[in-house]
Amino acid sequence: LKEGQNEVTFTLTNAEGKTVDHHYTYTLKKGQILFHTFSSLES
């Protein structure tokens, strides 16, 4: 990601082919490392 504001879209596709988008906005400083966890109970 670049310094400043970043918009990220995380797209998941289920077994039936249906997609689900998850949108995130991050504001980073130079050299910053960011961790984002995403958990799902999909079986």
All heavy atoms as atom14 arrays in JSON, in Angstrom:
{
  "sequence": "LKEGQNEVTFTLTNAEGKTVDHHYTYTLKKGQILFHTFSSLES",
  "atom14_mask": [
    [1, 1, 1, 1, 1, 1, 1, 1, 0, 0, 0, 0, 0, 0],
    [1, 1, 1, 1, 1, 1, 1, 1, 1, 0, 0, 0, 0, 0],
    [1, 1, 1, 1, 1, 1, 1, 1, 1, 0, 0, 0, 0, 0],
    [1, 1, 1, 1, 0, 0, 0, 0, 0, 0, 0, 0, 0, 0],
    [1, 1, 1, 1, 1, 1, 1, 1, 1, 0, 0, 0, 0, 0],
    [1, 1, 1, 1, 1, 1, 1, 1, 0, 0, 0, 0, 0, 0],
    [1, 1, 1, 1, 1, 1, 1, 1, 1, 0, 0, 0, 0, 0],
    [1, 1, 1, 1, 1, 1, 1, 0, 0, 0, 0, 0, 0, 0],
    [1, 1, 1, 1, 1, 1, 1, 0, 0, 0, 0, 0, 0, 0],
    [1, 1, 1, 1, 1, 1, 1, 1, 1, 1, 1, 0, 0, 0],
    [1, 1, 1, 1, 1, 1, 1, 0, 0, 0, 0, 0, 0, 0],
    [1, 1, 1, 1, 1, 1, 1, 1, 0, 0, 0, 0, 0, 0],
    [1, 1, 1, 1, 1, 1, 1, 0, 0, 0, 0, 0, 0, 0],
    [1, 1, 1, 1, 1, 1, 1, 1, 0, 0, 0, 0, 0, 0],
    [1, 1, 1, 1, 1, 0, 0, 0, 0, 0, 0, 0, 0, 0],
    [1, 1, 1, 1, 1, 1, 1, 1, 1, 0, 0, 0, 0, 0],
    [1, 1, 1, 1, 0, 0, 0, 0, 0, 0, 0, 0, 0, 0],
    [1, 1, 1, 1, 1, 1, 1, 1, 1, 0, 0, 0, 0, 0],
    [1, 1, 1, 1, 1, 1, 1, 0, 0, 0, 0, 0, 0, 0],
    [1, 1, 1, 1, 1, 1, 1, 0, 0, 0, 0, 0, 0, 0],
    [1, 1, 1, 1, 1, 1, 1, 1, 0, 0, 0, 0, 0, 0],
    [1, 1, 1, 1, 1, 1, 1, 1, 1, 1, 0, 0, 0, 0],
    [1, 1, 1, 1, 1, 1, 1, 1, 1, 1, 0, 0, 0, 0],
    [1, 1, 1, 1, 1, 1, 1, 1, 1, 1, 1, 1, 0, 0],
    [1, 1, 1, 1, 1, 1, 1, 0, 0, 0, 0, 0, 0, 0],
    [1, 1, 1, 1, 1, 1, 1, 1, 1, 1, 1, 1, 0, 0],
    [1, 1, 1, 1, 1, 1, 1, 0, 0, 0, 0, 0, 0, 0],
    [1, 1, 1, 1, 1, 1, 1, 1, 0, 0, 0, 0, 0, 0],
    [1, 1, 1, 1, 1, 1, 1, 1, 1, 0, 0, 0, 0, 0],
    [1, 1, 1, 1, 1, 1, 1, 1, 1, 0, 0, 0, 0, 0],
    [1, 1, 1, 1, 0, 0, 0, 0, 0, 0, 0, 0, 0, 0],
    [1, 1, 1, 1, 1, 1, 1, 1, 1, 0, 0, 0, 0, 0],
    [1, 1, 1, 1, 1, 1, 1, 1, 0, 0, 0, 0, 0, 0],
    [1, 1, 1, 1, 1, 1, 1, 1, 0, 0, 0, 0, 0, 0],
    [1, 1, 1, 1, 1, 1, 1, 1, 1, 1, 1, 0, 0, 0],
    [1, 1, 1, 1, 1, 1, 1, 1, 1, 1, 0, 0, 0, 0],
    [1, 1, 1, 1, 1, 1, 1, 0, 0, 0, 0, 0, 0, 0],
    [1, 1, 1, 1, 1, 1, 1, 1, 1, 1, 1, 0, 0, 0],
    [1, 1, 1, 1, 1, 1, 0, 0, 0, 0, 0, 0, 0, 0],
    [1, 1, 1, 1, 1, 1, 0, 0, 0, 0, 0, 0, 0, 0],
    [1, 1, 1, 1, 1, 1, 1, 1, 0, 0, 0, 0, 0, 0],
    [1, 1, 1, 1, 1, 1, 1, 1, 1, 0, 0, 0, 0, 0],
    [1, 1, 1, 1, 1, 1, 0, 0, 0, 0, 0, 0, 0, 0]
  ],
  "atom14_positions": [
    [[0.84, -1.19, 0.0], [0.0, 0.0, 0.0], [0.88, 1.24, 0.0], [2.02, 1.21, 0.46], [-0.91, 0.01, 1.24], [-1.85, -1.18, 1.39], [-2.57, -1.12, 2.74], [-2.86, -1.23, 0.25], [0.0, 0.0, 0.0], [0.0, 0.0, 0.0], [0.0, 0.0, 0.0], [0.0, 0.0, 0.0], [0.0, 0.0, 0.0], [0.0, 0.0, 0.0]],
    [[0.34, 2.33, -0.49], [1.1, 3.58, -0.53], [0.83, 4.38, 0.74], [-0.11, 4.1, 1.49], [0.72, 4.38, -1.77], [-0.73, 4.85, -1.8], [-1.05, 5.54, -3.11], [-2.39, 6.19, -3.16], [-3.55, 5.51, -2.74], [0.0, 0.0, 0.0], [0.0, 0.0, 0.0], [0.0, 0.0, 0.0], [0.0, 0.0, 0.0], [0.0, 0.0, 0.0]],
    [[1.67, 5.36, 0.98], [1.48, 6.24, 2.13], [0.19, 7.04, 1.92], [-0.16, 7.4, 0.81], [2.67, 7.2, 2.23], [2.63, 8.09, 3.44], [3.86, 8.99, 3.53], [4.68, 9.0, 2.6], [3.98, 9.67, 4.56], [0.0, 0.0, 0.0], [0.0, 0.0, 0.0], [0.0, 0.0, 0.0], [0.0, 0.0, 0.0], [0.0, 0.0, 0.0]],
    [[-0.55, 7.23, 2.99], [-1.81, 7.97, 2.91], [-2.99, 7.02, 2.93], [-2.92, 5.91, 3.45], [0.0, 0.0, 0.0], [0.0, 0.0, 0.0], [0.0, 0.0, 0.0], [0.0, 0.0, 0.0], [0.0, 0.0, 0.0], [0.0, 0.0, 0.0], [0.0, 0.0, 0.0], [0.0, 0.0, 0.0], [0.0, 0.0, 0.0], [0.0, 0.0, 0.0]],
    [[-4.08, 7.47, 2.31], [-5.31, 6.68, 2.33], [-5.34, 5.66, 1.2], [-5.0, 5.98, 0.06], [-6.53, 7.61, 2.23], [-7.83, 6.88, 2.44], [-9.0, 7.83, 2.6], [-8.82, 9.02, 2.73], [-10.19, 7.3, 2.59], [0.0, 0.0, 0.0], [0.0, 0.0, 0.0], [0.0, 0.0, 0.0], [0.0, 0.0, 0.0], [0.0, 0.0, 0.0]],
    [[-5.72, 4.44, 1.53], [-5.81, 3.34, 0.58], [-7.17, 2.66, 0.73], [-7.61, 2.4, 1.84], [-4.73, 2.29, 0.86], [-3.34, 2.82, 0.64], [-2.79, 2.68, -0.42], [-2.77, 3.44, 1.66], [0.0, 0.0, 0.0], [0.0, 0.0, 0.0], [0.0, 0.0, 0.0], [0.0, 0.0, 0.0], [0.0, 0.0, 0.0], [0.0, 0.0, 0.0]],
    [[-7.81, 2.38, -0.41], [-9.06, 1.63, -0.39], [-8.78, 0.25, -0.97], [-8.21, 0.12, -2.04], [-10.13, 2.36, -1.18], [-10.54, 3.67, -0.51], [-11.71, 4.35, -1.2], [-12.45, 3.68, -1.95], [-11.87, 5.55, -0.96], [0.0, 0.0, 0.0], [0.0, 0.0, 0.0], [0.0, 0.0, 0.0], [0.0, 0.0, 0.0], [0.0, 0.0, 0.0]],
    [[-9.18, -0.77, -0.23], [-8.94, -2.16, -0.63], [-10.27, -2.89, -0.68], [-11.09, -2.76, 0.24], [-7.98, -2.86, 0.36], [-7.8, -4.32, -0.01], [-6.64, -2.14, 0.41], [0.0, 0.0, 0.0], [0.0, 0.0, 0.0], [0.0, 0.0, 0.0], [0.0, 0.0, 0.0], [0.0, 0.0, 0.0], [0.0, 0.0, 0.0], [0.0, 0.0, 0.0]],
    [[-10.48, -3.65, -1.75], [-11.68, -4.49, -1.86], [-11.24, -5.94, -1.83], [-10.4, -6.37, -2.62], [-12.44, -4.2, -3.17], [-12.8, -2.82, -3.18], [-13.69, -5.06, -3.27], [0.0, 0.0, 0.0], [0.0, 0.0, 0.0], [0.0, 0.0, 0.0], [0.0, 0.0, 0.0], [0.0, 0.0, 0.0], [0.0, 0.0, 0.0], [0.0, 0.0, 0.0]],
    [[-11.81, -6.69, -0.91], [-11.54, -8.12, -0.76], [-12.77, -8.85, -1.27], [-13.85, -8.73, -0.71], [-11.27, -8.42, 0.72], [-10.99, -9.85, 1.03], [-10.02, -10.56, 0.35], [-11.68, -10.49, 2.05], [-9.75, -11.89, 0.66], [-11.42, -11.81, 2.37], [-10.46, -12.51, 1.67], [0.0, 0.0, 0.0], [0.0, 0.0, 0.0], [0.0, 0.0, 0.0]],
    [[-12.62, -9.6, -2.36], [-13.75, -10.27, -2.99], [-13.66, -11.78, -2.76], [-12.65, -12.4, -3.07], [-13.77, -9.99, -4.51], [-13.8, -8.58, -4.71], [-14.98, -10.63, -5.17], [0.0, 0.0, 0.0], [0.0, 0.0, 0.0], [0.0, 0.0, 0.0], [0.0, 0.0, 0.0], [0.0, 0.0, 0.0], [0.0, 0.0, 0.0], [0.0, 0.0, 0.0]],
    [[-14.72, -12.33, -2.21], [-14.81, -13.78, -1.99], [-15.85, -14.36, -2.94], [-16.88, -13.74, -3.19], [-15.22, -14.08, -0.56], [-14.22, -13.74, 0.53], [-14.83, -13.98, 1.9], [-12.96, -14.57, 0.37], [0.0, 0.0, 0.0], [0.0, 0.0, 0.0], [0.0, 0.0, 0.0], [0.0, 0.0, 0.0], [0.0, 0.0, 0.0], [0.0, 0.0, 0.0]],
    [[-15.56, -15.55, -3.44], [-16.51, -16.26, -4.31], [-16.89, -17.56, -3.63], [-16.02, -18.36, -3.27], [-15.87, -16.56, -5.68], [-15.39, -15.35, -6.24], [-16.87, -17.21, -6.62], [0.0, 0.0, 0.0], [0.0, 0.0, 0.0], [0.0, 0.0, 0.0], [0.0, 0.0, 0.0], [0.0, 0.0, 0.0], [0.0, 0.0, 0.0], [0.0, 0.0, 0.0]],
    [[-18.21, -17.78, -3.43], [-18.63, -19.01, -2.76], [-18.76, -20.15, -3.77], [-18.49, -19.98, -4.96], [-19.92, -18.78, -1.97], [-21.13, -18.51, -2.85], [-21.1, -18.69, -4.06], [-22.19, -18.05, -2.24], [0.0, 0.0, 0.0], [0.0, 0.0, 0.0], [0.0, 0.0, 0.0], [0.0, 0.0, 0.0], [0.0, 0.0, 0.0], [0.0, 0.0, 0.0]],
    [[-19.17, -21.32, -3.31], [-19.23, -22.52, -4.14], [-20.21, -22.38, -5.3], [-20.04, -23.0, -6.34], [-19.61, -23.73, -3.29], [0.0, 0.0, 0.0], [0.0, 0.0, 0.0], [0.0, 0.0, 0.0], [0.0, 0.0, 0.0], [0.0, 0.0, 0.0], [0.0, 0.0, 0.0], [0.0, 0.0, 0.0], [0.0, 0.0, 0.0], [0.0, 0.0, 0.0]],
    [[-21.24, -21.54, -5.11], [-22.23, -21.34, -6.17], [-21.82, -20.27, -7.18], [-22.54, -19.95, -8.09], [-23.59, -20.95, -5.57], [-24.28, -22.05, -4.78], [-23.75, -22.13, -3.35], [-23.46, -21.08, -2.75], [-23.61, -23.26, -2.86], [0.0, 0.0, 0.0], [0.0, 0.0, 0.0], [0.0, 0.0, 0.0], [0.0, 0.0, 0.0], [0.0, 0.0, 0.0]],
    [[-20.65, -19.66, -6.98], [-20.17, -18.63, -7.89], [-20.59, -17.22, -7.5], [-20.26, -16.27, -8.2], [0.0, 0.0, 0.0], [0.0, 0.0, 0.0], [0.0, 0.0, 0.0], [0.0, 0.0, 0.0], [0.0, 0.0, 0.0], [0.0, 0.0, 0.0], [0.0, 0.0, 0.0], [0.0, 0.0, 0.0], [0.0, 0.0, 0.0], [0.0, 0.0, 0.0]],
    [[-21.31, -17.07, -6.42], [-21.75, -15.75, -5.96], [-20.58, -15.05, -5.28], [-19.87, -15.65, -4.48], [-22.92, -15.89, -4.99], [-23.45, -14.57, -4.49], [-24.58, -14.77, -3.51], [-24.99, -13.42, -2.94], [-25.86, -13.56, -1.79], [0.0, 0.0, 0.0], [0.0, 0.0, 0.0], [0.0, 0.0, 0.0], [0.0, 0.0, 0.0], [0.0, 0.0, 0.0]],
    [[-20.37, -13.77, -5.62], [-19.27, -13.03, -5.02], [-19.78, -12.09, -3.93], [-20.9, -11.59, -4.0], [-18.51, -12.2, -6.08], [-19.41, -11.28, -6.66], [-17.9, -13.09, -7.14], [0.0, 0.0, 0.0], [0.0, 0.0, 0.0], [0.0, 0.0, 0.0], [0.0, 0.0, 0.0], [0.0, 0.0, 0.0], [0.0, 0.0, 0.0], [0.0, 0.0, 0.0]],
    [[-18.94, -11.9, -2.95], [-19.22, -10.97, -1.86], [-18.0, -10.07, -1.71], [-16.88, -10.56, -1.57], [-19.49, -11.73, -0.53], [-19.74, -10.75, 0.61], [-20.64, -12.69, -0.68], [0.0, 0.0, 0.0], [0.0, 0.0, 0.0], [0.0, 0.0, 0.0], [0.0, 0.0, 0.0], [0.0, 0.0, 0.0], [0.0, 0.0, 0.0], [0.0, 0.0, 0.0]],
    [[-18.22, -8.76, -1.77], [-17.14, -7.8, -1.62], [-17.08, -7.26, -0.21], [-18.11, -6.98, 0.4], [-17.33, -6.62, -2.59], [-17.1, -7.0, -4.04], [-16.42, -8.02, -4.28], [-17.62, -6.3, -4.92], [0.0, 0.0, 0.0], [0.0, 0.0, 0.0], [0.0, 0.0, 0.0], [0.0, 0.0, 0.0], [0.0, 0.0, 0.0], [0.0, 0.0, 0.0]],
    [[-15.87, -7.12, 0.29], [-15.62, -6.5, 1.59], [-14.7, -5.32, 1.32], [-13.61, -5.49, 0.76], [-14.95, -7.49, 2.55], [-15.78, -8.69, 2.82], [-16.72, -8.75, 3.81], [-15.82, -9.91, 2.2], [-17.29, -9.93, 3.82], [-16.76, -10.66, 2.83], [0.0, 0.0, 0.0], [0.0, 0.0, 0.0], [0.0, 0.0, 0.0], [0.0, 0.0, 0.0]],
    [[-15.14, -4.12, 1.7], [-14.39, -2.89, 1.42], [-13.72, -2.4, 2.7], [-14.35, -2.33, 3.76], [-15.32, -1.81, 0.86], [-16.02, -2.23, -0.39], [-15.42, -2.18, -1.62], [-17.26, -2.73, -0.59], [-16.26, -2.62, -2.53], [-17.39, -2.97, -1.93], [0.0, 0.0, 0.0], [0.0, 0.0, 0.0], [0.0, 0.0, 0.0], [0.0, 0.0, 0.0]],
    [[-12.46, -2.03, 2.57], [-11.69, -1.52, 3.71], [-10.95, -0.26, 3.28], [-10.49, -0.16, 2.14], [-10.67, -2.56, 4.2], [-11.31, -3.87, 4.59], [-11.29, -4.96, 3.72], [-11.93, -4.01, 5.82], [-11.89, -6.16, 4.08], [-12.53, -5.21, 6.18], [-12.5, -6.27, 5.31], [-13.09, -7.45, 5.67], [0.0, 0.0, 0.0], [0.0, 0.0, 0.0]],
    [[-10.82, 0.67, 4.21], [-10.04, 1.88, 3.97], [-8.97, 1.97, 5.06], [-9.27, 1.85, 6.25], [-10.94, 3.14, 4.02], [-11.96, 3.0, 3.04], [-10.13, 4.39, 3.74], [0.0, 0.0, 0.0], [0.0, 0.0, 0.0], [0.0, 0.0, 0.0], [0.0, 0.0, 0.0], [0.0, 0.0, 0.0], [0.0, 0.0, 0.0], [0.0, 0.0, 0.0]],
    [[-7.73, 2.14, 4.62], [-6.6, 2.23, 5.54], [-5.86, 3.53, 5.29], [-5.68, 3.94, 4.15], [-5.62, 1.07, 5.32], [-6.24, -0.29, 5.38], [-6.41, -1.03, 4.22], [-6.66, -0.84, 6.58], [-6.99, -2.3, 4.27], [-7.23, -2.09, 6.64], [-7.39, -2.82, 5.48], [-7.96, -4.05, 5.52], [0.0, 0.0, 0.0], [0.0, 0.0, 0.0]],
    [[-5.41, 4.16, 6.37], [-4.56, 5.33, 6.27], [-3.22, 4.97, 6.9], [-3.16, 4.65, 8.09], [-5.19, 6.54, 6.98], [-6.49, 6.77, 6.42], [-4.34, 7.78, 6.8], [0.0, 0.0, 0.0], [0.0, 0.0, 0.0], [0.0, 0.0, 0.0], [0.0, 0.0, 0.0], [0.0, 0.0, 0.0], [0.0, 0.0, 0.0], [0.0, 0.0, 0.0]],
    [[-2.18, 4.99, 6.08], [-0.86, 4.55, 6.54], [0.16, 5.67, 6.48], [0.09, 6.56, 5.64], [-0.37, 3.4, 5.66], [-1.02, 2.06, 5.93], [-2.22, 1.87, 5.04], [-0.02, 0.97, 5.74], [0.0, 0.0, 0.0], [0.0, 0.0, 0.0], [0.0, 0.0, 0.0], [0.0, 0.0, 0.0], [0.0, 0.0, 0.0], [0.0, 0.0, 0.0]],
    [[1.13, 5.56, 7.38], [2.3, 6.44, 7.37], [3.42, 5.69, 6.68], [3.41, 4.46, 6.6], [2.71, 6.79, 8.81], [1.65, 7.56, 9.55], [2.08, 7.8, 10.98], [0.94, 8.45, 11.75], [1.2, 8.51, 13.17], [0.0, 0.0, 0.0], [0.0, 0.0, 0.0], [0.0, 0.0, 0.0], [0.0, 0.0, 0.0], [0.0, 0.0, 0.0]],
    [[4.4, 6.41, 6.22], [5.53, 5.79, 5.52], [6.22, 4.76, 6.43], [6.51, 5.04, 7.59], [6.54, 6.84, 5.08], [7.66, 6.27, 4.25], [8.54, 7.34, 3.68], [9.6, 6.63, 2.85], [10.12, 7.47, 1.83], [0.0, 0.0, 0.0], [0.0, 0.0, 0.0], [0.0, 0.0, 0.0], [0.0, 0.0, 0.0], [0.0, 0.0, 0.0]],
    [[6.46, 3.57, 5.91], [7.15, 2.52, 6.66], [6.25, 1.72, 7.6], [6.69, 0.77, 8.23], [0.0, 0.0, 0.0], [0.0, 0.0, 0.0], [0.0, 0.0, 0.0], [0.0, 0.0, 0.0], [0.0, 0.0, 0.0], [0.0, 0.0, 0.0], [0.0, 0.0, 0.0], [0.0, 0.0, 0.0], [0.0, 0.0, 0.0], [0.0, 0.0, 0.0]],
    [[4.98, 2.09, 7.72], [4.06, 1.4, 8.64], [3.68, 0.03, 8.08], [3.48, -0.13, 6.87], [2.8, 2.24, 8.85], [1.8, 1.62, 9.79], [0.55, 2.5, 9.97], [0.45, 3.58, 9.42], [-0.38, 2.02, 10.76], [0.0, 0.0, 0.0], [0.0, 0.0, 0.0], [0.0, 0.0, 0.0], [0.0, 0.0, 0.0], [0.0, 0.0, 0.0]],
    [[3.59, -0.94, 8.95], [3.13, -2.28, 8.57], [1.78, -2.49, 9.24], [1.61, -2.23, 10.43], [4.13, -3.35, 9.02], [5.45, -3.18, 8.28], [3.55, -4.75, 8.78], [6.54, -4.13, 8.71], [0.0, 0.0, 0.0], [0.0, 0.0, 0.0], [0.0, 0.0, 0.0], [0.0, 0.0, 0.0], [0.0, 0.0, 0.0], [0.0, 0.0, 0.0]],
    [[0.83, -2.96, 8.48], [-0.53, -3.14, 8.97], [-0.94, -4.59, 8.79], [-0.67, -5.19, 7.74], [-1.49, -2.23, 8.17], [-2.97, -2.4, 8.43], [-3.34, -1.77, 9.77], [-3.77, -1.77, 7.33], [0.0, 0.0, 0.0], [0.0, 0.0, 0.0], [0.0, 0.0, 0.0], [0.0, 0.0, 0.0], [0.0, 0.0, 0.0], [0.0, 0.0, 0.0]],
    [[-1.57, -5.16, 9.79], [-2.12, -6.51, 9.69], [-3.63, -6.41, 9.84], [-4.13, -5.73, 10.73], [-1.57, -7.42, 10.8], [-0.12, -7.72, 10.65], [0.84, -6.93, 11.27], [0.3, -8.78, 9.87], [2.19, -7.19, 11.13], [1.65, -9.05, 9.72], [2.59, -8.26, 10.35], [0.0, 0.0, 0.0], [0.0, 0.0, 0.0], [0.0, 0.0, 0.0]],
    [[-4.35, -7.08, 8.96], [-5.81, -7.13, 9.04], [-6.22, -8.59, 8.98], [-5.82, -9.31, 8.07], [-6.44, -6.36, 7.87], [-7.93, -6.37, 7.9], [-8.65, -5.26, 8.25], [-8.84, -7.35, 7.65], [-9.95, -5.57, 8.21], [-10.07, -6.83, 7.85], [0.0, 0.0, 0.0], [0.0, 0.0, 0.0], [0.0, 0.0, 0.0], [0.0, 0.0, 0.0]],
    [[-6.99, -9.02, 9.94], [-7.47, -10.41, 9.92], [-8.91, -10.45, 9.45], [-9.7, -9.54, 9.72], [-7.37, -11.06, 11.31], [-8.15, -10.29, 12.23], [-5.94, -11.11, 11.8], [0.0, 0.0, 0.0], [0.0, 0.0, 0.0], [0.0, 0.0, 0.0], [0.0, 0.0, 0.0], [0.0, 0.0, 0.0], [0.0, 0.0, 0.0], [0.0, 0.0, 0.0]],
    [[-9.23, -11.48, 8.73], [-10.59, -11.71, 8.25], [-10.95, -13.15, 8.61], [-10.25, -14.08, 8.21], [-10.67, -11.51, 6.73], [-12.04, -11.76, 6.17], [-12.99, -10.75, 6.14], [-12.38, -13.01, 5.68], [-14.25, -10.99, 5.63], [-13.64, -13.26, 5.17], [-14.58, -12.24, 5.15], [0.0, 0.0, 0.0], [0.0, 0.0, 0.0], [0.0, 0.0, 0.0]],
    [[-12.01, -13.32, 9.36], [-12.45, -14.66, 9.76], [-13.79, -14.96, 9.13], [-14.64, -14.08, 8.98], [-12.58, -14.75, 11.28], [-11.35, -14.51, 11.89], [0.0, 0.0, 0.0], [0.0, 0.0, 0.0], [0.0, 0.0, 0.0], [0.0, 0.0, 0.0], [0.0, 0.0, 0.0], [0.0, 0.0, 0.0], [0.0, 0.0, 0.0], [0.0, 0.0, 0.0]],
    [[-13.98, -16.21, 8.77], [-15.24, -16.62, 8.17], [-15.67, -17.96, 8.76], [-14.83, -18.82, 9.03], [-15.07, -16.76, 6.66], [-16.23, -17.31, 6.08], [0.0, 0.0, 0.0], [0.0, 0.0, 0.0], [0.0, 0.0, 0.0], [0.0, 0.0, 0.0], [0.0, 0.0, 0.0], [0.0, 0.0, 0.0], [0.0, 0.0, 0.0], [0.0, 0.0, 0.0]],
    [[-16.94, -18.13, 8.93], [-17.47, -19.4, 9.42], [-18.05, -20.25, 8.29], [-18.75, -21.22, 8.53], [-18.56, -19.15, 10.48], [-18.07, -18.46, 11.74], [-19.24, -18.16, 12.67], [-17.05, -19.31, 12.46], [0.0, 0.0, 0.0], [0.0, 0.0, 0.0], [0.0, 0.0, 0.0], [0.0, 0.0, 0.0], [0.0, 0.0, 0.0], [0.0, 0.0, 0.0]],
    [[-17.73, -19.89, 7.06], [-18.19, -20.67, 5.92], [-17.68, -22.1, 6.02], [-16.53, -22.33, 6.4], [-17.7, -20.04, 4.61], [-18.3, -18.69, 4.31], [-19.79, -18.74, 4.09], [-20.29, -19.7, 3.46], [-20.47, -17.82, 4.55], [0.0, 0.0, 0.0], [0.0, 0.0, 0.0], [0.0, 0.0, 0.0], [0.0, 0.0, 0.0], [0.0, 0.0, 0.0]],
    [[-18.51, -23.05, 5.67], [-18.13, -24.45, 5.81], [-17.65, -25.07, 4.5], [-17.24, -26.21, 4.47], [-19.31, -25.26, 6.35], [-20.41, -25.15, 5.48], [0.0, 0.0, 0.0], [0.0, 0.0, 0.0], [0.0, 0.0, 0.0], [0.0, 0.0, 0.0], [0.0, 0.0, 0.0], [0.0, 0.0, 0.0], [0.0, 0.0, 0.0], [0.0, 0.0, 0.0]]
  ]
}
